[in-house]
């Protein structure tokens, strides 16, 4: 089984949220930032990664994506703030570097 990720993106002003699921988080975020992701992210410049969760199976990430999309906006912001209180754009290169270093 292939790993899966659910992620939340926002625009610079933090007024919009986009929730997605993918098997390759780094590539998918890169595509969004290049304007090759979903039409919504391109149109509204929703490129900042604020939050993500990793799952052992993609199907579980897909189910979680559907769950989060049904949440109220306030609940989504509260979830994001549990791991990213400053609402800063997460740097995937740093995240992956930390993961590689901690497994050595």
PDB file of N, CA and C in Angstrom:
ATOM      1  N   UNK A   1       0.831  -1.193   0.000  1.00  0.00           N
ATOM      2  CA  UNK A   1       0.000   0.000   0.000  1.00  0.00           C
ATOM      3  C   UNK A   1       0.872   1.251   0.000  1.00  0.00           C
ATOM      4  N   UNK A   2       0.419   2.232  -0.730  1.00  0.00           N
ATOM      5  CA  UNK A   2       1.132   3.507  -0.838  1.00  0.00           C
ATOM      6  C   UNK A   2       0.630   4.471   0.239  1.00  0.00           C
ATOM      7  N   UNK A   3       1.578   5.206   0.842  1.00  0.00           N
ATOM      8  CA  UNK A   3       1.221   6.216   1.841  1.00  0.00           C
ATOM      9  C   UNK A   3       0.301   7.263   1.247  1.00  0.00           C
ATOM     10  N   UNK A   4      -0.400   7.950   2.112  1.00  0.00           N
ATOM     11  CA  UNK A   4      -1.257   9.041   1.671  1.00  0.00           C
ATOM     12  C   UNK A   4      -1.136  10.233   2.601  1.00  0.00           C
ATOM     13  N   UNK A   5      -1.506  11.371   2.079  1.00  0.00           N
ATOM     14  CA  UNK A   5      -1.452  12.615   2.846  1.00  0.00           C
ATOM     15  C   UNK A   5      -2.725  13.404   2.613  1.00  0.00           C
ATOM     16  N   UNK A   6      -3.196  14.057   3.648  1.00  0.00           N
ATOM     17  CA  UNK A   6      -4.239  15.067   3.502  1.00  0.00           C
ATOM     18  C   UNK A   6      -3.562  16.379   3.884  1.00  0.00           C
ATOM     19  N   UNK A   7      -3.880  17.439   3.157  1.00  0.00           N
ATOM     20  CA  UNK A   7      -3.187  18.704   3.379  1.00  0.00           C
ATOM     21  C   UNK A   7      -4.160  19.868   3.274  1.00  0.00           C
ATOM     22  N   UNK A   8      -3.771  20.969   3.896  1.00  0.00           N
ATOM     23  CA  UNK A   8      -4.580  22.190   3.848  1.00  0.00           C
ATOM     24  C   UNK A   8      -3.691  23.337   3.385  1.00  0.00           C
ATOM     25  N   UNK A   9      -4.147  24.013   2.344  1.00  0.00           N
ATOM     26  CA  UNK A   9      -3.457  25.177   1.792  1.00  0.00           C
ATOM     27  C   UNK A   9      -4.272  26.431   2.079  1.00  0.00           C
ATOM     28  N   UNK A  10      -3.593  27.573   2.064  1.00  0.00           N
ATOM     29  CA  UNK A  10      -4.279  28.855   2.212  1.00  0.00           C
ATOM     30  C   UNK A  10      -3.608  29.899   1.326  1.00  0.00           C
ATOM     31  N   UNK A  11      -4.282  31.027   1.175  1.00  0.00           N
ATOM     32  CA  UNK A  11      -3.704  32.142   0.434  1.00  0.00           C
ATOM     33  C   UNK A  11      -2.869  33.001   1.391  1.00  0.00           C
ATOM     34  N   UNK A  12      -2.185  33.998   0.865  1.00  0.00           N
ATOM     35  CA  UNK A  12      -1.303  34.849   1.685  1.00  0.00           C
ATOM     36  C   UNK A  12      -2.056  35.577   2.801  1.00  0.00           C
ATOM     37  N   UNK A  13      -3.280  36.012   2.515  1.00  0.00           N
ATOM     38  CA  UNK A  13      -4.058  36.758   3.512  1.00  0.00           C
ATOM     39  C   UNK A  13      -4.770  35.844   4.513  1.00  0.00           C
ATOM     40  N   UNK A  14      -4.671  34.535   4.319  1.00  0.00           N
ATOM     41  CA  UNK A  14      -5.290  33.539   5.206  1.00  0.00           C
ATOM     42  C   UNK A  14      -6.808  33.699   5.270  1.00  0.00           C
ATOM     43  N   UNK A  15      -7.413  33.963   4.111  1.00  0.00           N
ATOM     44  CA  UNK A  15      -8.870  34.100   4.050  1.00  0.00           C
ATOM     45  C   UNK A  15      -9.538  32.895   3.395  1.00  0.00           C
ATOM     46  N   UNK A  16      -8.762  32.064   2.709  1.00  0.00           N
ATOM     47  CA  UNK A  16      -9.305  30.897   2.014  1.00  0.00           C
ATOM     48  C   UNK A  16      -8.554  29.640   2.420  1.00  0.00           C
ATOM     49  N   UNK A  17      -9.263  28.519   2.389  1.00  0.00           N
ATOM     50  CA  UNK A  17      -8.643  27.221   2.654  1.00  0.00           C
ATOM     51  C   UNK A  17      -8.960  26.267   1.512  1.00  0.00           C
ATOM     52  N   UNK A  18      -7.992  25.401   1.212  1.00  0.00           N
ATOM     53  CA  UNK A  18      -8.189  24.332   0.234  1.00  0.00           C
ATOM     54  C   UNK A  18      -7.706  23.045   0.883  1.00  0.00           C
ATOM     55  N   UNK A  19      -8.506  22.006   0.802  1.00  0.00           N
ATOM     56  CA  UNK A  19      -8.152  20.709   1.384  1.00  0.00           C
ATOM     57  C   UNK A  19      -8.013  19.702   0.261  1.00  0.00           C
ATOM     58  N   UNK A  20      -6.923  18.939   0.295  1.00  0.00           N
ATOM     59  CA  UNK A  20      -6.698  17.923  -0.727  1.00  0.00           C
ATOM     60  C   UNK A  20      -6.064  16.680  -0.135  1.00  0.00           C
ATOM     61  N   UNK A  21      -5.998  15.627  -0.950  1.00  0.00           N
ATOM     62  CA  UNK A  21      -5.340  14.380  -0.564  1.00  0.00           C
ATOM     63  C   UNK A  21      -4.442  13.954  -1.718  1.00  0.00           C
ATOM     64  N   UNK A  22      -3.332  13.318  -1.380  1.00  0.00           N
ATOM     65  CA  UNK A  22      -2.372  12.917  -2.403  1.00  0.00           C
ATOM     66  C   UNK A  22      -1.519  11.752  -1.912  1.00  0.00           C
ATOM     67  N   UNK A  23      -0.854  11.092  -2.845  1.00  0.00           N
ATOM     68  CA  UNK A  23       0.101  10.036  -2.504  1.00  0.00           C
ATOM     69  C   UNK A  23       1.520  10.591  -2.405  1.00  0.00           C
ATOM     70  N   UNK A  24       1.754  11.771  -2.979  1.00  0.00           N
ATOM     71  CA  UNK A  24       3.086  12.385  -2.998  1.00  0.00           C
ATOM     72  C   UNK A  24       2.946  13.867  -2.645  1.00  0.00           C
ATOM     73  N   UNK A  25       3.098  14.181  -1.384  1.00  0.00           N
ATOM     74  CA  UNK A  25       2.843  15.537  -0.892  1.00  0.00           C
ATOM     75  C   UNK A  25       3.772  16.569  -1.525  1.00  0.00           C
ATOM     76  N   UNK A  26       5.048  16.268  -1.576  1.00  0.00           N
ATOM     77  CA  UNK A  26       6.022  17.235  -2.090  1.00  0.00           C
ATOM     78  C   UNK A  26       5.721  17.609  -3.541  1.00  0.00           C
ATOM     79  N   UNK A  27       5.455  16.615  -4.371  1.00  0.00           N
ATOM     80  CA  UNK A  27       5.153  16.867  -5.781  1.00  0.00           C
ATOM     81  C   UNK A  27       3.837  17.610  -5.934  1.00  0.00           C
ATOM     82  N   UNK A  28       2.843  17.222  -5.166  1.00  0.00           N
ATOM     83  CA  UNK A  28       1.525  17.850  -5.294  1.00  0.00           C
ATOM     84  C   UNK A  28       1.569  19.328  -4.903  1.00  0.00           C
ATOM     85  N   UNK A  29       2.267  19.652  -3.828  1.00  0.00           N
ATOM     86  CA  UNK A  29       2.372  21.050  -3.407  1.00  0.00           C
ATOM     87  C   UNK A  29       3.132  21.848  -4.463  1.00  0.00           C
ATOM     88  N   UNK A  30       4.169  21.263  -5.015  1.00  0.00           N
ATOM     89  CA  UNK A  30       4.931  21.919  -6.078  1.00  0.00           C
ATOM     90  C   UNK A  30       4.038  22.222  -7.280  1.00  0.00           C
ATOM     91  N   UNK A  31       3.180  21.284  -7.645  1.00  0.00           N
ATOM     92  CA  UNK A  31       2.252  21.500  -8.761  1.00  0.00           C
ATOM     93  C   UNK A  31       1.275  22.635  -8.452  1.00  0.00           C
ATOM     94  N   UNK A  32       0.746  22.659  -7.245  1.00  0.00           N
ATOM     95  CA  UNK A  32      -0.159  23.752  -6.853  1.00  0.00           C
ATOM     96  C   UNK A  32       0.554  25.097  -7.002  1.00  0.00           C
ATOM     97  N   UNK A  33       1.787  25.164  -6.532  1.00  0.00           N
ATOM     98  CA  UNK A  33       2.530  26.431  -6.559  1.00  0.00           C
ATOM     99  C   UNK A  33       2.872  26.878  -7.976  1.00  0.00           C
ATOM    100  N   UNK A  34       2.953  25.919  -8.893  1.00  0.00           N
ATOM    101  CA  UNK A  34       3.228  26.239 -10.302  1.00  0.00           C
ATOM    102  C   UNK A  34       1.950  26.511 -11.087  1.00  0.00           C
ATOM    103  N   UNK A  35       0.807  26.459 -10.400  1.00  0.00           N
ATOM    104  CA  UNK A  35      -0.466  26.710 -11.067  1.00  0.00           C
ATOM    105  C   UNK A  35      -0.998  25.518 -11.828  1.00  0.00           C
ATOM    106  N   UNK A  36      -0.456  24.334 -11.543  1.00  0.00           N
ATOM    107  CA  UNK A  36      -0.882  23.127 -12.246  1.00  0.00           C
ATOM    108  C   UNK A  36      -1.734  22.221 -11.366  1.00  0.00           C
ATOM    109  N   UNK A  37      -2.087  22.697 -10.197  1.00  0.00           N
ATOM    110  CA  UNK A  37      -2.941  21.921  -9.302  1.00  0.00           C
ATOM    111  C   UNK A  37      -4.394  22.168  -9.645  1.00  0.00           C
ATOM    112  N   UNK A  38      -5.215  22.146  -8.661  1.00  0.00           N
ATOM    113  CA  UNK A  38      -6.646  22.382  -8.845  1.00  0.00           C
ATOM    114  C   UNK A  38      -6.903  23.799  -9.353  1.00  0.00           C
ATOM    115  N   UNK A  39      -7.962  23.958 -10.106  1.00  0.00           N
ATOM    116  CA  UNK A  39      -8.340  25.261 -10.661  1.00  0.00           C
ATOM    117  C   UNK A  39      -8.518  26.300  -9.550  1.00  0.00           C
ATOM    118  N   UNK A  40      -9.129  25.894  -8.444  1.00  0.00           N
ATOM    119  CA  UNK A  40      -9.367  26.799  -7.313  1.00  0.00           C
ATOM    120  C   UNK A  40      -8.057  27.377  -6.788  1.00  0.00           C
ATOM    121  N   UNK A  41      -7.045  26.534  -6.610  1.00  0.00           N
ATOM    122  CA  UNK A  41      -5.776  27.010  -6.046  1.00  0.00           C
ATOM    123  C   UNK A  41      -5.074  27.966  -6.999  1.00  0.00           C
ATOM    124  N   UNK A  42      -5.205  27.725  -8.279  1.00  0.00           N
ATOM    125  CA  UNK A  42      -4.596  28.616  -9.273  1.00  0.00           C
ATOM    126  C   UNK A  42      -5.324  29.960  -9.299  1.00  0.00           C
ATOM    127  N   UNK A  43      -6.637  29.911  -9.371  1.00  0.00           N
ATOM    128  CA  UNK A  43      -7.446  31.126  -9.481  1.00  0.00           C
ATOM    129  C   UNK A  43      -7.281  32.049  -8.272  1.00  0.00           C
ATOM    130  N   UNK A  44      -7.276  31.472  -7.074  1.00  0.00           N
ATOM    131  CA  UNK A  44      -7.244  32.269  -5.849  1.00  0.00           C
ATOM    132  C   UNK A  44      -5.866  32.309  -5.175  1.00  0.00           C
ATOM    133  N   UNK A  45      -4.853  31.778  -5.854  1.00  0.00           N
ATOM    134  CA  UNK A  45      -3.470  31.787  -5.336  1.00  0.00           C
ATOM    135  C   UNK A  45      -3.383  31.173  -3.935  1.00  0.00           C
ATOM    136  N   UNK A  46      -3.953  30.012  -3.807  1.00  0.00           N
ATOM    137  CA  UNK A  46      -3.947  29.273  -2.543  1.00  0.00           C
ATOM    138  C   UNK A  46      -2.770  28.294  -2.610  1.00  0.00           C
ATOM    139  N   UNK A  47      -1.588  28.765  -2.185  1.00  0.00           N
ATOM    140  CA  UNK A  47      -0.360  27.994  -2.369  1.00  0.00           C
ATOM    141  C   UNK A  47       0.399  27.682  -1.089  1.00  0.00           C
ATOM    142  N   UNK A  48       0.012  28.270   0.025  1.00  0.00           N
ATOM    143  CA  UNK A  48       0.761  28.088   1.268  1.00  0.00           C
ATOM    144  C   UNK A  48       0.276  26.853   2.030  1.00  0.00           C
ATOM    145  N   UNK A  49       1.187  25.919   2.241  1.00  0.00           N
ATOM    146  CA  UNK A  49       0.874  24.716   3.013  1.00  0.00           C
ATOM    147  C   UNK A  49       0.873  25.072   4.497  1.00  0.00           C
ATOM    148  N   UNK A  50      -0.287  24.912   5.134  1.00  0.00           N
ATOM    149  CA  UNK A  50      -0.408  25.231   6.560  1.00  0.00           C
ATOM    150  C   UNK A  50      -0.466  23.995   7.447  1.00  0.00           C
ATOM    151  N   UNK A  51      -0.902  22.864   6.864  1.00  0.00           N
ATOM    152  CA  UNK A  51      -1.171  21.688   7.694  1.00  0.00           C
ATOM    153  C   UNK A  51      -1.174  20.445   6.817  1.00  0.00           C
ATOM    154  N   UNK A  52      -0.717  19.324   7.375  1.00  0.00           N
ATOM    155  CA  UNK A  52      -0.866  18.048   6.680  1.00  0.00           C
ATOM    156  C   UNK A  52      -0.853  16.904   7.684  1.00  0.00           C
ATOM    157  N   UNK A  53      -1.422  15.795   7.274  1.00  0.00           N
ATOM    158  CA  UNK A  53      -1.405  14.556   8.052  1.00  0.00           C
ATOM    159  C   UNK A  53      -0.928  13.447   7.127  1.00  0.00           C
ATOM    160  N   UNK A  54      -0.161  12.516   7.669  1.00  0.00           N
ATOM    161  CA  UNK A  54       0.338  11.376   6.899  1.00  0.00           C
ATOM    162  C   UNK A  54      -0.406  10.112   7.318  1.00  0.00           C
ATOM    163  N   UNK A  55      -0.726   9.263   6.341  1.00  0.00           N
ATOM    164  CA  UNK A  55      -1.435   8.005   6.588  1.00  0.00           C
ATOM    165  C   UNK A  55      -0.674   6.855   5.937  1.00  0.00           C
ATOM    166  N   UNK A  56      -0.777   5.691   6.512  1.00  0.00           N
ATOM    167  CA  UNK A  56      -0.108   4.511   5.941  1.00  0.00           C
ATOM    168  C   UNK A  56      -0.708   4.103   4.606  1.00  0.00           C
ATOM    169  N   UNK A  57      -1.986   4.403   4.415  1.00  0.00           N
ATOM    170  CA  UNK A  57      -2.683   4.043   3.177  1.00  0.00           C
ATOM    171  C   UNK A  57      -3.368   5.275   2.606  1.00  0.00           C
ATOM    172  N   UNK A  58      -3.298   5.426   1.285  1.00  0.00           N
ATOM    173  CA  UNK A  58      -3.917   6.576   0.626  1.00  0.00           C
ATOM    174  C   UNK A  58      -5.417   6.623   0.893  1.00  0.00           C
ATOM    175  N   UNK A  59      -6.073   5.482   0.914  1.00  0.00           N
ATOM    176  CA  UNK A  59      -7.525   5.439   1.107  1.00  0.00           C
ATOM    177  C   UNK A  59      -7.934   6.139   2.403  1.00  0.00           C
ATOM    178  N   UNK A  60      -7.129   5.977   3.446  1.00  0.00           N
ATOM    179  CA  UNK A  60      -7.440   6.629   4.727  1.00  0.00           C
ATOM    180  C   UNK A  60      -7.287   8.146   4.621  1.00  0.00           C
ATOM    181  N   UNK A  61      -6.313   8.593   3.846  1.00  0.00           N
ATOM    182  CA  UNK A  61      -6.147  10.036   3.615  1.00  0.00           C
ATOM    183  C   UNK A  61      -7.343  10.582   2.843  1.00  0.00           C
ATOM    184  N   UNK A  62      -7.808   9.822   1.871  1.00  0.00           N
ATOM    185  CA  UNK A  62      -8.960  10.226   1.064  1.00  0.00           C
ATOM    186  C   UNK A  62     -10.209  10.368   1.939  1.00  0.00           C
ATOM    187  N   UNK A  63     -10.421   9.421   2.843  1.00  0.00           N
ATOM    188  CA  UNK A  63     -11.564   9.471   3.767  1.00  0.00           C
ATOM    189  C   UNK A  63     -11.443  10.694   4.684  1.00  0.00           C
ATOM    190  N   UNK A  64     -10.236  10.942   5.185  1.00  0.00           N
ATOM    191  CA  UNK A  64     -10.013  12.103   6.062  1.00  0.00           C
ATOM    192  C   UNK A  64     -10.250  13.415   5.301  1.00  0.00           C
ATOM    193  N   UNK A  65      -9.840  13.468   4.032  1.00  0.00           N
ATOM    194  CA  UNK A  65     -10.089  14.656   3.208  1.00  0.00           C
ATOM    195  C   UNK A  65     -11.583  14.951   3.146  1.00  0.00           C
ATOM    196  N   UNK A  66     -12.379  13.931   2.875  1.00  0.00           N
ATOM    197  CA  UNK A  66     -13.835  14.114   2.796  1.00  0.00           C
ATOM    198  C   UNK A  66     -14.396  14.584   4.134  1.00  0.00           C
ATOM    199  N   UNK A  67     -13.871  14.024   5.220  1.00  0.00           N
ATOM    200  CA  UNK A  67     -14.322  14.426   6.555  1.00  0.00           C
ATOM    201  C   UNK A  67     -14.026  15.908   6.798  1.00  0.00           C
ATOM    202  N   UNK A  68     -12.794  16.323   6.531  1.00  0.00           N
ATOM    203  CA  UNK A  68     -12.400  17.715   6.774  1.00  0.00           C
ATOM    204  C   UNK A  68     -13.170  18.691   5.895  1.00  0.00           C
ATOM    205  N   UNK A  69     -13.474  18.295   4.681  1.00  0.00           N
ATOM    206  CA  UNK A  69     -14.226  19.173   3.785  1.00  0.00           C
ATOM    207  C   UNK A  69     -15.638  19.434   4.307  1.00  0.00           C
ATOM    208  N   UNK A  70     -16.142  18.545   5.148  1.00  0.00           N
ATOM    209  CA  UNK A  70     -17.477  18.727   5.732  1.00  0.00           C
ATOM    210  C   UNK A  70     -17.454  19.509   7.047  1.00  0.00           C
ATOM    211  N   UNK A  71     -16.277  19.793   7.552  1.00  0.00           N
ATOM    212  CA  UNK A  71     -16.158  20.544   8.796  1.00  0.00           C
ATOM    213  C   UNK A  71     -16.491  22.011   8.575  1.00  0.00           C
ATOM    214  N   UNK A  72     -16.875  22.681   9.647  1.00  0.00           N
ATOM    215  CA  UNK A  72     -17.058  24.133   9.619  1.00  0.00           C
ATOM    216  C   UNK A  72     -15.681  24.792   9.509  1.00  0.00           C
ATOM    217  N   UNK A  73     -15.671  25.973   8.926  1.00  0.00           N
ATOM    218  CA  UNK A  73     -14.411  26.693   8.724  1.00  0.00           C
ATOM    219  C   UNK A  73     -13.666  26.900  10.051  1.00  0.00           C
ATOM    220  N   UNK A  74     -14.398  27.246  11.093  1.00  0.00           N
ATOM    221  CA  UNK A  74     -13.787  27.473  12.409  1.00  0.00           C
ATOM    222  C   UNK A  74     -13.059  26.223  12.902  1.00  0.00           C
ATOM    223  N   UNK A  75     -13.641  25.052  12.715  1.00  0.00           N
ATOM    224  CA  UNK A  75     -13.016  23.801  13.142  1.00  0.00           C
ATOM    225  C   UNK A  75     -11.718  23.561  12.375  1.00  0.00           C
ATOM    226  N   UNK A  76     -11.742  23.879  11.085  1.00  0.00           N
ATOM    227  CA  UNK A  76     -10.539  23.696  10.257  1.00  0.00           C
ATOM    228  C   UNK A  76      -9.411  24.591  10.757  1.00  0.00           C
ATOM    229  N   UNK A  77      -9.733  25.859  11.038  1.00  0.00           N
ATOM    230  CA  UNK A  77      -8.707  26.777  11.536  1.00  0.00           C
ATOM    231  C   UNK A  77      -8.177  26.309  12.887  1.00  0.00           C
ATOM    232  N   UNK A  78      -9.045  25.819  13.756  1.00  0.00           N
ATOM    233  CA  UNK A  78      -8.606  25.301  15.059  1.00  0.00           C
ATOM    234  C   UNK A  78      -7.659  24.119  14.885  1.00  0.00           C
ATOM    235  N   UNK A  79      -7.969  23.234  13.949  1.00  0.00           N
ATOM    236  CA  UNK A  79      -7.103  22.087  13.675  1.00  0.00           C
ATOM    237  C   UNK A  79      -5.727  22.558  13.212  1.00  0.00           C
ATOM    238  N   UNK A  80      -5.708  23.474  12.268  1.00  0.00           N
ATOM    239  CA  UNK A  80      -4.439  24.004  11.751  1.00  0.00           C
ATOM    240  C   UNK A  80      -3.617  24.604  12.887  1.00  0.00           C
ATOM    241  N   UNK A  81      -4.264  25.386  13.735  1.00  0.00           N
ATOM    242  CA  UNK A  81      -3.558  26.088  14.809  1.00  0.00           C
ATOM    243  C   UNK A  81      -3.010  25.155  15.885  1.00  0.00           C
ATOM    244  N   UNK A  82      -3.508  23.916  15.963  1.00  0.00           N
ATOM    245  CA  UNK A  82      -2.947  22.973  16.938  1.00  0.00           C
ATOM    246  C   UNK A  82      -1.501  22.632  16.599  1.00  0.00           C
ATOM    247  N   UNK A  83      -1.164  22.611  15.315  1.00  0.00           N
ATOM    248  CA  UNK A  83       0.201  22.266  14.902  1.00  0.00           C
ATOM    249  C   UNK A  83       0.963  23.447  14.312  1.00  0.00           C
ATOM    250  N   UNK A  84       0.251  24.490  13.938  1.00  0.00           N
ATOM    251  CA  UNK A  84       0.885  25.631  13.286  1.00  0.00           C
ATOM    252  C   UNK A  84       0.227  26.930  13.785  1.00  0.00           C
ATOM    253  N   UNK A  85       0.450  27.283  15.064  1.00  0.00           N
ATOM    254  CA  UNK A  85      -0.240  28.437  15.654  1.00  0.00           C
ATOM    255  C   UNK A  85       0.060  29.772  14.971  1.00  0.00           C
ATOM    256  N   UNK A  86       1.226  29.890  14.336  1.00  0.00           N
ATOM    257  CA  UNK A  86       1.573  31.143  13.650  1.00  0.00           C
ATOM    258  C   UNK A  86       0.990  31.205  12.242  1.00  0.00           C
ATOM    259  N   UNK A  87       0.380  30.106  11.794  1.00  0.00           N
ATOM    260  CA  UNK A  87      -0.173  30.004  10.438  1.00  0.00           C
ATOM    261  C   UNK A  87       0.886  30.298   9.378  1.00  0.00           C
ATOM    262  N   UNK A  88       2.112  29.858   9.650  1.00  0.00           N
ATOM    263  CA  UNK A  88       3.194  30.081   8.694  1.00  0.00           C
ATOM    264  C   UNK A  88       3.164  29.007   7.609  1.00  0.00           C
ATOM    265  N   UNK A  89       3.650  29.381   6.446  1.00  0.00           N
ATOM    266  CA  UNK A  89       3.721  28.442   5.330  1.00  0.00           C
ATOM    267  C   UNK A  89       4.803  27.411   5.637  1.00  0.00           C
ATOM    268  N   UNK A  90       4.439  26.141   5.616  1.00  0.00           N
ATOM    269  CA  UNK A  90       5.382  25.077   5.948  1.00  0.00           C
ATOM    270  C   UNK A  90       6.339  24.833   4.788  1.00  0.00           C
ATOM    271  N   UNK A  91       7.605  24.627   5.125  1.00  0.00           N
ATOM    272  CA  UNK A  91       8.639  24.362   4.134  1.00  0.00           C
ATOM    273  C   UNK A  91       8.843  22.852   4.045  1.00  0.00           C
ATOM    274  N   UNK A  92       8.415  22.259   2.952  1.00  0.00           N
ATOM    275  CA  UNK A  92       8.507  20.804   2.811  1.00  0.00           C
ATOM    276  C   UNK A  92       9.942  20.306   2.793  1.00  0.00           C
ATOM    277  N   UNK A  93      10.859  21.082   2.255  1.00  0.00           N
ATOM    278  CA  UNK A  93      12.260  20.657   2.248  1.00  0.00           C
ATOM    279  C   UNK A  93      12.773  20.491   3.671  1.00  0.00           C
ATOM    280  N   UNK A  94      12.408  21.414   4.555  1.00  0.00           N
ATOM    281  CA  UNK A  94      12.806  21.315   5.960  1.00  0.00           C
ATOM    282  C   UNK A  94      12.138  20.121   6.641  1.00  0.00           C
ATOM    283  N   UNK A  95      10.877  19.902   6.340  1.00  0.00           N
ATOM    284  CA  UNK A  95      10.140  18.783   6.935  1.00  0.00           C
ATOM    285  C   UNK A  95      10.777  17.462   6.536  1.00  0.00           C
ATOM    286  N   UNK A  96      11.062  17.297   5.245  1.00  0.00           N
ATOM    287  CA  UNK A  96      11.662  16.053   4.770  1.00  0.00           C
ATOM    288  C   UNK A  96      13.084  15.891   5.278  1.00  0.00           C
ATOM    289  N   UNK A  97      13.830  16.984   5.426  1.00  0.00           N
ATOM    290  CA  UNK A  97      15.188  16.920   5.955  1.00  0.00           C
ATOM    291  C   UNK A  97      15.152  16.444   7.404  1.00  0.00           C
ATOM    292  N   UNK A  98      14.222  16.983   8.203  1.00  0.00           N
ATOM    293  CA  UNK A  98      14.084  16.573   9.601  1.00  0.00           C
ATOM    294  C   UNK A  98      13.716  15.101   9.708  1.00  0.00           C
ATOM    295  N   UNK A  99      12.860  14.628   8.810  1.00  0.00           N
ATOM    296  CA  UNK A  99      12.445  13.225   8.814  1.00  0.00           C
ATOM    297  C   UNK A  99      13.630  12.319   8.510  1.00  0.00           C
ATOM    298  N   UNK A 100      14.430  12.701   7.511  1.00  0.00           N
ATOM    299  CA  UNK A 100      15.595  11.898   7.136  1.00  0.00           C
ATOM    300  C   UNK A 100      16.623  11.881   8.259  1.00  0.00           C
ATOM    301  N   UNK A 101      16.848  13.010   8.915  1.00  0.00           N
ATOM    302  CA  UNK A 101      17.829  13.103   9.985  1.00  0.00           C
ATOM    303  C   UNK A 101      17.398  12.298  11.203  1.00  0.00           C
ATOM    304  N   UNK A 102      16.114  12.342  11.534  1.00  0.00           N
ATOM    305  CA  UNK A 102      15.644  11.654  12.736  1.00  0.00           C
ATOM    306  C   UNK A 102      15.620  10.142  12.575  1.00  0.00           C
ATOM    307  N   UNK A 103      15.611   9.641  11.331  1.00  0.00           N
ATOM    308  CA  UNK A 103      15.578   8.190  11.158  1.00  0.00           C
ATOM    309  C   UNK A 103      16.972   7.584  11.084  1.00  0.00           C
ATOM    310  N   UNK A 104      18.020   8.407  11.152  1.00  0.00           N
ATOM    311  CA  UNK A 104      19.392   7.888  11.089  1.00  0.00           C
ATOM    312  C   UNK A 104      19.828   7.402  12.435  1.00  0.00           C
TER     313      UNK A 104
END
